[in-house]
């Protein structure tokens, strides 16, 4: 599936997403740096078990992406929503959230994100819950691996 948005192309699909483009997006966002060559395949493998994914293209350059993990019935999690810094503020991120929500319009959606992105998700219709009463619990294996000397 292809969609057009302000002169850009949004592609749906979890296969064939170039690892080097994903790595460039992650580096631009500050999520990755100096990835060893033996780990670079993770940038394409992360799509293998994703339920849905959308990439945004400006001609031959991938400038944004989002991937979703879902049971396709009741719940979905937005993972790795990222847009190159030169393209931010143009509605691309909001459009990616919109196309995600269309996949499961009556389901419960969650966004795996940091507090500095709460306002963005509120503009997309998400609620930021009172964290003193509820929240998402997380275990970050990569942090533990770093502490244990594996990364």
N, C-alpha and C. Protein backbone atom coordinates (compact mmCIF):
# COMPACT_ATOMS: atom_id res chain seq x y z
N UNK A 1 0.84 -1.18 0.00
CA UNK A 1 0.00 0.00 0.00
C UNK A 1 0.88 1.24 0.00
N UNK A 2 0.50 2.20 -0.78
CA UNK A 2 1.17 3.49 -0.84
C UNK A 2 0.15 4.57 -0.56
N UNK A 3 0.60 5.61 0.13
CA UNK A 3 -0.21 6.82 0.33
C UNK A 3 0.70 8.00 0.02
N UNK A 4 0.09 9.07 -0.38
CA UNK A 4 0.85 10.28 -0.63
C UNK A 4 0.49 11.30 0.42
N UNK A 5 1.52 12.00 0.91
CA UNK A 5 1.31 13.01 1.95
C UNK A 5 2.29 14.15 1.71
N UNK A 6 1.76 15.29 1.29
CA UNK A 6 2.57 16.50 1.08
C UNK A 6 3.82 16.24 0.23
N UNK A 7 3.64 15.52 -0.87
CA UNK A 7 4.74 15.26 -1.78
C UNK A 7 5.63 14.09 -1.38
N UNK A 8 5.31 13.42 -0.27
CA UNK A 8 6.08 12.27 0.21
C UNK A 8 5.26 11.01 -0.03
N UNK A 9 5.93 9.86 -0.02
CA UNK A 9 5.26 8.58 -0.19
C UNK A 9 5.34 7.82 1.13
N UNK A 10 4.19 7.32 1.59
CA UNK A 10 4.15 6.47 2.78
C UNK A 10 3.90 5.04 2.29
N UNK A 11 4.85 4.15 2.62
CA UNK A 11 4.74 2.75 2.22
C UNK A 11 4.38 1.91 3.44
N UNK A 12 3.50 0.96 3.25
CA UNK A 12 3.17 0.02 4.31
C UNK A 12 3.88 -1.29 4.03
N UNK A 13 4.47 -1.87 5.05
CA UNK A 13 5.09 -3.18 4.89
C UNK A 13 6.26 -3.37 5.84
N UNK A 14 6.46 -4.63 6.23
CA UNK A 14 7.53 -4.96 7.17
C UNK A 14 8.72 -5.62 6.48
N UNK A 15 8.62 -5.86 5.19
CA UNK A 15 9.71 -6.53 4.48
C UNK A 15 10.48 -5.56 3.60
N UNK A 16 11.79 -5.80 3.51
CA UNK A 16 12.63 -5.04 2.60
C UNK A 16 12.98 -3.64 3.05
N UNK A 17 12.81 -3.32 4.32
CA UNK A 17 13.18 -1.99 4.80
C UNK A 17 14.70 -1.98 4.96
N UNK A 18 15.39 -1.08 4.27
CA UNK A 18 16.85 -1.09 4.29
C UNK A 18 17.42 -0.75 5.67
N UNK A 19 18.26 -1.63 6.18
CA UNK A 19 18.84 -1.47 7.52
C UNK A 19 19.63 -0.17 7.64
N UNK A 20 20.36 0.23 6.60
CA UNK A 20 21.17 1.44 6.71
C UNK A 20 20.30 2.69 6.84
N UNK A 21 19.12 2.70 6.23
CA UNK A 21 18.22 3.84 6.38
C UNK A 21 17.64 3.89 7.79
N UNK A 22 17.30 2.73 8.33
CA UNK A 22 16.78 2.67 9.70
C UNK A 22 17.86 3.14 10.67
N UNK A 23 19.07 2.66 10.48
CA UNK A 23 20.17 3.07 11.34
C UNK A 23 20.38 4.59 11.28
N UNK A 24 20.30 5.17 10.09
CA UNK A 24 20.45 6.62 9.94
C UNK A 24 19.37 7.37 10.71
N UNK A 25 18.14 6.88 10.65
CA UNK A 25 17.05 7.50 11.42
C UNK A 25 17.32 7.41 12.92
N UNK A 26 17.75 6.23 13.38
CA UNK A 26 18.02 6.02 14.80
C UNK A 26 19.18 6.91 15.26
N UNK A 27 20.21 7.04 14.43
CA UNK A 27 21.33 7.91 14.79
C UNK A 27 20.89 9.37 14.87
N UNK A 28 20.08 9.80 13.91
CA UNK A 28 19.58 11.18 13.89
C UNK A 28 18.76 11.47 15.14
N UNK A 29 18.01 10.46 15.62
CA UNK A 29 17.18 10.63 16.81
C UNK A 29 17.98 10.48 18.11
N UNK A 30 19.23 10.03 18.00
CA UNK A 30 20.05 9.82 19.19
C UNK A 30 19.82 8.47 19.84
N UNK A 31 19.21 7.55 19.11
CA UNK A 31 18.90 6.22 19.66
C UNK A 31 20.01 5.22 19.41
N UNK A 32 20.92 5.53 18.50
CA UNK A 32 22.02 4.62 18.17
C UNK A 32 23.25 5.45 17.82
N UNK A 33 24.41 4.85 18.07
CA UNK A 33 25.65 5.48 17.63
C UNK A 33 26.74 4.41 17.61
N UNK A 34 27.60 4.49 16.62
CA UNK A 34 28.73 3.57 16.50
C UNK A 34 28.32 2.11 16.65
N UNK A 35 27.28 1.72 15.95
CA UNK A 35 26.80 0.34 16.01
C UNK A 35 27.85 -0.58 15.39
N UNK A 36 28.30 -1.60 16.13
CA UNK A 36 29.27 -2.54 15.56
C UNK A 36 28.68 -3.25 14.34
N UNK A 37 29.51 -3.60 13.40
CA UNK A 37 29.02 -4.21 12.15
C UNK A 37 28.23 -5.48 12.40
N UNK A 38 28.60 -6.26 13.41
CA UNK A 38 27.90 -7.51 13.68
C UNK A 38 26.49 -7.28 14.23
N UNK A 39 26.19 -6.04 14.65
CA UNK A 39 24.85 -5.74 15.17
C UNK A 39 23.95 -5.01 14.18
N UNK A 40 24.48 -4.63 13.04
CA UNK A 40 23.72 -3.81 12.10
C UNK A 40 22.48 -4.50 11.54
N UNK A 41 22.48 -5.83 11.49
CA UNK A 41 21.32 -6.53 10.96
C UNK A 41 20.07 -6.30 11.79
N UNK A 42 20.24 -5.89 13.05
CA UNK A 42 19.07 -5.65 13.90
C UNK A 42 18.17 -4.56 13.34
N UNK A 43 18.74 -3.65 12.55
CA UNK A 43 17.96 -2.55 12.01
C UNK A 43 16.97 -3.00 10.94
N UNK A 44 17.18 -4.16 10.36
CA UNK A 44 16.17 -4.71 9.46
C UNK A 44 15.39 -5.84 10.13
N UNK A 45 16.04 -6.61 11.01
CA UNK A 45 15.37 -7.71 11.68
C UNK A 45 14.24 -7.25 12.60
N UNK A 46 14.33 -6.03 13.12
CA UNK A 46 13.28 -5.56 14.04
C UNK A 46 11.92 -5.49 13.38
N UNK A 47 11.89 -5.51 12.06
CA UNK A 47 10.62 -5.51 11.34
C UNK A 47 10.02 -6.90 11.20
N UNK A 48 10.84 -7.95 11.32
CA UNK A 48 10.37 -9.31 11.06
C UNK A 48 9.16 -9.70 11.89
N UNK A 49 9.14 -9.32 13.14
CA UNK A 49 8.04 -9.69 14.02
C UNK A 49 7.14 -8.52 14.36
N UNK A 50 7.28 -7.44 13.64
CA UNK A 50 6.36 -6.32 13.82
C UNK A 50 5.07 -6.63 13.07
N UNK A 51 3.97 -6.17 13.61
CA UNK A 51 2.67 -6.44 13.00
C UNK A 51 2.46 -5.56 11.78
N UNK A 52 2.72 -4.27 11.95
CA UNK A 52 2.61 -3.31 10.85
C UNK A 52 3.80 -2.39 10.88
N UNK A 53 4.14 -1.86 9.74
CA UNK A 53 5.19 -0.84 9.66
C UNK A 53 4.87 0.09 8.51
N UNK A 54 5.24 1.33 8.69
CA UNK A 54 5.08 2.34 7.65
C UNK A 54 6.40 3.11 7.54
N UNK A 55 6.84 3.33 6.33
CA UNK A 55 8.03 4.13 6.09
C UNK A 55 7.64 5.31 5.22
N UNK A 56 8.34 6.42 5.39
CA UNK A 56 8.06 7.64 4.64
C UNK A 56 9.27 7.95 3.78
N UNK A 57 9.00 8.23 2.51
CA UNK A 57 10.06 8.42 1.53
C UNK A 57 9.95 9.77 0.84
N UNK A 58 11.09 10.43 0.71
CA UNK A 58 11.23 11.63 -0.10
C UNK A 58 12.11 11.20 -1.28
N UNK A 59 11.48 10.89 -2.38
CA UNK A 59 12.14 10.24 -3.52
C UNK A 59 12.77 8.93 -3.05
N UNK A 60 14.09 8.78 -3.10
CA UNK A 60 14.75 7.53 -2.71
C UNK A 60 15.31 7.57 -1.30
N UNK A 61 14.94 8.57 -0.52
CA UNK A 61 15.47 8.72 0.84
C UNK A 61 14.36 8.43 1.86
N UNK A 62 14.63 7.47 2.75
CA UNK A 62 13.67 7.19 3.82
C UNK A 62 13.86 8.23 4.91
N UNK A 63 12.79 8.98 5.20
CA UNK A 63 12.91 10.11 6.13
C UNK A 63 12.08 9.91 7.40
N UNK A 64 11.35 8.79 7.48
CA UNK A 64 10.56 8.53 8.67
C UNK A 64 10.07 7.10 8.68
N UNK A 65 9.68 6.64 9.87
CA UNK A 65 9.16 5.28 9.99
C UNK A 65 8.44 5.12 11.31
N UNK A 66 7.60 4.10 11.34
CA UNK A 66 6.96 3.67 12.58
C UNK A 66 6.70 2.18 12.43
N UNK A 67 6.80 1.48 13.53
CA UNK A 67 6.42 0.07 13.51
C UNK A 67 5.50 -0.19 14.68
N UNK A 68 4.64 -1.21 14.53
CA UNK A 68 3.61 -1.52 15.51
C UNK A 68 3.66 -3.00 15.85
N UNK A 69 3.49 -3.29 17.12
CA UNK A 69 3.34 -4.66 17.59
C UNK A 69 1.92 -4.77 18.13
N UNK A 70 1.16 -5.77 17.64
CA UNK A 70 -0.25 -5.88 18.00
C UNK A 70 -0.75 -7.31 17.94
N UNK A 71 -1.86 -7.56 18.64
CA UNK A 71 -2.56 -8.84 18.50
C UNK A 71 -3.60 -8.75 17.38
N UNK A 72 -3.75 -7.58 16.78
CA UNK A 72 -4.67 -7.29 15.66
C UNK A 72 -6.14 -7.38 16.05
N UNK A 73 -6.43 -7.47 17.34
CA UNK A 73 -7.82 -7.58 17.79
C UNK A 73 -8.15 -6.52 18.84
N UNK A 74 -7.35 -6.48 19.90
CA UNK A 74 -7.67 -5.62 21.03
C UNK A 74 -6.65 -4.53 21.33
N UNK A 75 -5.38 -4.79 21.09
CA UNK A 75 -4.36 -3.85 21.54
C UNK A 75 -3.22 -3.74 20.54
N UNK A 76 -2.59 -2.57 20.57
CA UNK A 76 -1.44 -2.32 19.70
C UNK A 76 -0.49 -1.35 20.39
N UNK A 77 0.79 -1.53 20.11
CA UNK A 77 1.86 -0.71 20.68
C UNK A 77 2.63 -0.04 19.56
N UNK A 78 2.72 1.27 19.59
CA UNK A 78 3.53 2.00 18.63
C UNK A 78 4.98 1.95 19.13
N UNK A 79 5.85 1.48 18.25
CA UNK A 79 7.27 1.38 18.57
C UNK A 79 8.06 2.17 17.53
N UNK A 80 9.12 2.79 17.95
CA UNK A 80 10.09 3.40 17.03
C UNK A 80 9.48 4.37 16.02
N UNK A 81 8.66 5.29 16.47
CA UNK A 81 8.19 6.36 15.59
C UNK A 81 9.30 7.39 15.51
N UNK A 82 9.82 7.62 14.32
CA UNK A 82 10.94 8.55 14.16
C UNK A 82 10.87 9.23 12.79
N UNK A 83 11.19 10.52 12.78
CA UNK A 83 11.25 11.31 11.56
C UNK A 83 12.58 12.06 11.59
N UNK A 84 13.28 12.09 10.47
CA UNK A 84 14.55 12.83 10.41
C UNK A 84 14.33 14.26 10.88
N UNK A 85 15.31 14.78 11.59
CA UNK A 85 15.17 16.12 12.20
C UNK A 85 14.87 17.20 11.17
N UNK A 86 15.42 17.10 9.96
CA UNK A 86 15.17 18.11 8.92
C UNK A 86 13.71 18.12 8.45
N UNK A 87 12.96 17.06 8.75
CA UNK A 87 11.58 16.94 8.28
C UNK A 87 10.56 17.07 9.42
N UNK A 88 11.03 17.28 10.62
CA UNK A 88 10.10 17.36 11.76
C UNK A 88 9.30 18.66 11.72
N UNK A 89 8.13 18.63 12.35
CA UNK A 89 7.29 19.82 12.41
C UNK A 89 6.44 20.01 11.17
N UNK A 90 6.38 19.01 10.31
CA UNK A 90 5.63 19.11 9.06
C UNK A 90 4.41 18.18 9.03
N UNK A 91 4.07 17.61 10.20
CA UNK A 91 2.90 16.74 10.28
C UNK A 91 3.14 15.29 9.92
N UNK A 92 4.38 14.92 9.65
CA UNK A 92 4.68 13.55 9.21
C UNK A 92 4.46 12.57 10.35
N UNK A 93 4.95 12.88 11.54
CA UNK A 93 4.75 11.99 12.69
C UNK A 93 3.28 11.79 13.00
N UNK A 94 2.54 12.88 12.96
CA UNK A 94 1.10 12.80 13.23
C UNK A 94 0.40 11.96 12.17
N UNK A 95 0.81 12.08 10.92
CA UNK A 95 0.24 11.28 9.85
C UNK A 95 0.57 9.80 10.06
N UNK A 96 1.78 9.49 10.51
CA UNK A 96 2.14 8.09 10.78
C UNK A 96 1.27 7.51 11.89
N UNK A 97 1.02 8.29 12.93
CA UNK A 97 0.13 7.80 13.99
C UNK A 97 -1.27 7.58 13.43
N UNK A 98 -1.73 8.48 12.59
CA UNK A 98 -3.07 8.35 11.98
C UNK A 98 -3.20 7.07 11.17
N UNK A 99 -2.20 6.75 10.34
CA UNK A 99 -2.30 5.54 9.53
C UNK A 99 -2.20 4.29 10.41
N UNK A 100 -1.47 4.39 11.51
CA UNK A 100 -1.43 3.27 12.46
C UNK A 100 -2.82 3.03 13.05
N UNK A 101 -3.44 4.08 13.55
CA UNK A 101 -4.74 3.95 14.20
C UNK A 101 -5.81 3.39 13.26
N UNK A 102 -5.66 3.64 11.97
CA UNK A 102 -6.60 3.11 10.99
C UNK A 102 -6.56 1.58 10.92
N UNK A 103 -5.44 0.97 11.32
CA UNK A 103 -5.30 -0.48 11.26
C UNK A 103 -6.15 -1.18 12.34
N UNK A 104 -6.37 -0.51 13.46
CA UNK A 104 -7.14 -1.09 14.56
C UNK A 104 -7.93 0.05 15.22
N UNK A 105 -8.94 0.56 14.52
CA UNK A 105 -9.61 1.79 14.97
C UNK A 105 -10.36 1.66 16.29
N UNK A 106 -10.76 0.47 16.67
CA UNK A 106 -11.51 0.30 17.92
C UNK A 106 -10.69 -0.40 18.99
N UNK A 107 -9.40 -0.51 18.77
CA UNK A 107 -8.52 -1.17 19.73
C UNK A 107 -7.92 -0.18 20.71
N UNK A 108 -7.24 -0.71 21.69
CA UNK A 108 -6.50 0.11 22.64
C UNK A 108 -5.08 0.29 22.09
N UNK A 109 -4.64 1.52 22.03
CA UNK A 109 -3.32 1.85 21.49
C UNK A 109 -2.43 2.40 22.60
N UNK A 110 -1.18 2.02 22.53
CA UNK A 110 -0.18 2.50 23.48
C UNK A 110 1.03 2.96 22.69
N UNK A 111 1.77 3.90 23.24
CA UNK A 111 2.98 4.39 22.58
C UNK A 111 4.16 4.20 23.53
N UNK A 112 5.14 3.49 23.06
CA UNK A 112 6.38 3.30 23.82
C UNK A 112 7.23 4.54 23.56
N UNK A 113 7.30 5.44 24.54
CA UNK A 113 7.96 6.72 24.30
C UNK A 113 8.47 7.32 25.60
N UNK A 114 9.18 8.41 25.49
CA UNK A 114 9.68 9.13 26.66
C UNK A 114 8.79 10.34 26.95
N UNK A 115 8.92 10.88 28.14
CA UNK A 115 8.05 11.97 28.60
C UNK A 115 8.10 13.19 27.69
N UNK A 116 9.23 13.44 27.05
CA UNK A 116 9.31 14.62 26.18
C UNK A 116 8.43 14.51 24.94
N UNK A 117 7.87 13.32 24.69
CA UNK A 117 6.96 13.13 23.55
C UNK A 117 5.49 13.09 23.95
N UNK A 118 5.19 13.24 25.24
CA UNK A 118 3.80 13.16 25.69
C UNK A 118 2.91 14.18 24.99
N UNK A 119 3.37 15.40 24.85
CA UNK A 119 2.55 16.45 24.22
C UNK A 119 2.20 16.06 22.78
N UNK A 120 3.18 15.53 22.07
CA UNK A 120 2.93 15.10 20.68
C UNK A 120 1.81 14.07 20.65
N UNK A 121 1.90 13.06 21.50
CA UNK A 121 0.88 12.01 21.49
C UNK A 121 -0.48 12.53 21.95
N UNK A 122 -0.49 13.50 22.83
CA UNK A 122 -1.77 14.13 23.21
C UNK A 122 -2.42 14.79 22.00
N UNK A 123 -1.62 15.43 21.14
CA UNK A 123 -2.19 16.05 19.94
C UNK A 123 -2.74 15.01 18.97
N UNK A 124 -2.30 13.76 19.13
CA UNK A 124 -2.78 12.65 18.29
C UNK A 124 -3.97 11.94 18.93
N UNK A 125 -4.44 12.43 20.08
CA UNK A 125 -5.60 11.84 20.74
C UNK A 125 -5.30 10.87 21.85
N UNK A 126 -4.03 10.67 22.16
CA UNK A 126 -3.66 9.77 23.26
C UNK A 126 -3.82 10.49 24.59
N UNK A 127 -4.07 9.73 25.64
CA UNK A 127 -4.13 10.27 27.00
C UNK A 127 -2.82 9.95 27.71
N UNK A 128 -2.33 10.92 28.47
CA UNK A 128 -1.20 10.66 29.35
C UNK A 128 -1.79 10.48 30.73
N UNK A 129 -1.70 9.26 31.22
CA UNK A 129 -2.32 8.91 32.51
C UNK A 129 -1.53 9.51 33.67
N UNK A 130 -2.22 9.64 34.79
CA UNK A 130 -1.59 10.06 36.03
C UNK A 130 -0.66 8.94 36.47
N UNK A 131 0.62 9.17 36.35
CA UNK A 131 1.59 8.11 36.60
C UNK A 131 1.67 7.73 38.08
N UNK A 132 1.09 8.53 38.95
CA UNK A 132 1.09 8.15 40.36
C UNK A 132 0.04 7.06 40.62
N UNK A 133 -0.89 6.89 39.67
CA UNK A 133 -1.95 5.90 39.86
C UNK A 133 -1.82 4.70 38.91
N UNK A 134 -1.23 4.91 37.73
CA UNK A 134 -1.04 3.80 36.81
C UNK A 134 0.07 4.14 35.83
N UNK A 135 0.53 3.17 35.15
CA UNK A 135 1.60 3.38 34.19
C UNK A 135 2.04 2.08 33.58
N UNK A 136 3.02 2.15 32.74
CA UNK A 136 3.55 0.97 32.09
C UNK A 136 4.83 0.56 32.79
N UNK A 137 4.93 -0.69 33.13
CA UNK A 137 6.14 -1.21 33.73
C UNK A 137 7.08 -1.63 32.61
N UNK A 138 8.36 -1.47 32.83
CA UNK A 138 9.32 -1.79 31.77
C UNK A 138 10.56 -2.45 32.35
N UNK A 139 11.11 -3.36 31.60
CA UNK A 139 12.41 -3.94 31.88
C UNK A 139 13.22 -3.72 30.61
N UNK A 140 14.33 -3.02 30.72
CA UNK A 140 15.16 -2.72 29.56
C UNK A 140 16.37 -3.63 29.55
N UNK A 141 16.28 -4.69 28.78
CA UNK A 141 17.35 -5.68 28.71
C UNK A 141 18.66 -5.11 28.20
N UNK A 142 18.59 -4.13 27.30
CA UNK A 142 19.83 -3.57 26.77
C UNK A 142 20.60 -2.80 27.83
N UNK A 143 19.89 -2.18 28.78
CA UNK A 143 20.58 -1.49 29.89
C UNK A 143 21.25 -2.51 30.80
N UNK A 144 20.53 -3.58 31.09
CA UNK A 144 21.12 -4.64 31.91
C UNK A 144 22.32 -5.26 31.22
N UNK A 145 22.23 -5.46 29.92
CA UNK A 145 23.35 -6.02 29.16
C UNK A 145 24.57 -5.11 29.24
N UNK A 146 24.34 -3.81 29.17
CA UNK A 146 25.44 -2.86 29.28
C UNK A 146 26.07 -2.94 30.67
N UNK A 147 25.24 -3.01 31.70
CA UNK A 147 25.76 -3.13 33.08
C UNK A 147 26.55 -4.41 33.26
N UNK A 148 26.10 -5.48 32.60
CA UNK A 148 26.76 -6.78 32.71
C UNK A 148 27.98 -6.89 31.79
N UNK A 149 28.26 -5.85 31.02
CA UNK A 149 29.43 -5.84 30.15
C UNK A 149 29.24 -6.51 28.80
N UNK A 150 28.00 -6.77 28.41
CA UNK A 150 27.75 -7.43 27.14
C UNK A 150 27.58 -6.45 25.98
N UNK A 151 27.52 -5.15 26.27
CA UNK A 151 27.35 -4.16 25.19
C UNK A 151 28.29 -3.02 25.41
